[in-house]
Every structure is written in C-alpha cells, then in structure tokens.
Amino acid sequence: MNPIETQWHQLKTHEIAGQMFDNEYDLAIAVMDGMKTRSQAGEYTLERFIFTAVFK
C-alpha cells in the first residue's frame, strides 16, 4: 500500500468519521482541518500546495 493511503485511512477513521458534508467544499475544508490536527498531534510540519486549474 502507498504510504499516503495509510494517512488517508487514518484521516477518514479519526478526523472526519461520521460527518456528513453538503458539498465538496465542506469536505475539502474538513480534510484540510483534519490534516492540520494530525500534523500537530504528530509534531510534523504540514505544507499546503495550491493548484490552479486551467480550463480551456
């Protein structure tokens, strides 16, 4: 299993388990908040990348 899959599983199991989201934006915010919580608990640095979509 890819290491990121383990982190995704932990995030779903602990940070966002049992929550319902009305839209993808709310889910994205919950994922970012969960990652921040996990990084603080694990005492590691979290770096956020911002991607810009280009539509033609």
Protein backbone atom coordinates (compact mmCIF):
# COMPACT_ATOMS: atom_id res chain seq x y z
CA MET A 1 0.00 0.00 0.00
CA ASN A 2 1.20 3.50 -0.83
CA PRO A 3 2.12 5.45 2.38
CA ILE A 4 -0.42 8.19 1.58
CA GLU A 5 -3.18 5.56 1.64
CA THR A 6 -2.39 4.83 5.28
CA GLN A 7 -2.64 8.52 6.11
CA TRP A 8 -5.92 8.86 4.18
CA HIS A 9 -7.33 5.87 6.09
CA GLN A 10 -6.33 7.41 9.44
CA LEU A 11 -7.81 10.77 8.44
CA LYS A 12 -11.13 9.17 7.46
CA THR A 13 -11.20 6.98 10.57
CA HIS A 14 -10.30 9.62 13.15
CA GLU A 15 -10.78 13.16 11.89
CA ILE A 16 -13.80 13.07 9.58
CA ALA A 17 -15.56 9.84 10.61
CA GLY A 18 -19.31 10.11 10.94
CA GLN A 19 -19.56 13.57 9.41
CA MET A 20 -21.90 14.44 6.56
CA PHE A 21 -20.97 17.09 4.02
CA ASP A 22 -23.39 19.13 1.94
CA ASN A 23 -20.83 19.78 -0.79
CA GLU A 24 -17.26 19.13 -1.88
CA TYR A 25 -16.07 22.44 -0.46
CA ASP A 26 -17.12 21.46 3.07
CA LEU A 27 -15.40 18.09 2.64
CA ALA A 28 -12.22 19.81 1.43
CA ILE A 29 -12.20 22.13 4.45
CA ALA A 30 -12.72 19.16 6.80
CA VAL A 31 -9.84 17.29 5.16
CA MET A 32 -7.51 20.30 5.49
CA ASP A 33 -8.51 20.80 9.14
CA GLY A 34 -8.02 17.09 9.82
CA MET A 35 -4.57 17.13 8.25
CA LYS A 36 -3.63 20.13 10.37
CA THR A 37 -4.84 18.34 13.51
CA ARG A 38 -2.88 15.20 12.60
CA SER A 39 0.29 17.19 11.90
CA GLN A 40 0.07 18.98 15.25
CA ALA A 41 -0.56 15.73 17.14
CA GLY A 42 2.30 14.01 15.32
CA GLU A 43 4.56 17.04 15.67
CA TYR A 44 5.42 17.23 11.99
CA THR A 45 5.27 20.07 9.51
CA LEU A 46 2.39 20.23 7.09
CA GLU A 47 2.90 22.08 3.83
CA ARG A 48 -0.09 23.02 1.72
CA PHE A 49 0.17 23.18 -2.04
CA ILE A 50 -2.25 25.31 -4.01
CA PHE A 51 -3.02 24.13 -7.53
CA THR A 52 -4.56 26.36 -10.13
CA ALA A 53 -6.88 24.71 -12.60
CA VAL A 54 -6.74 25.84 -16.19
CA PHE A 55 -9.89 25.37 -18.23
CA LYS A 56 -9.97 25.77 -21.98
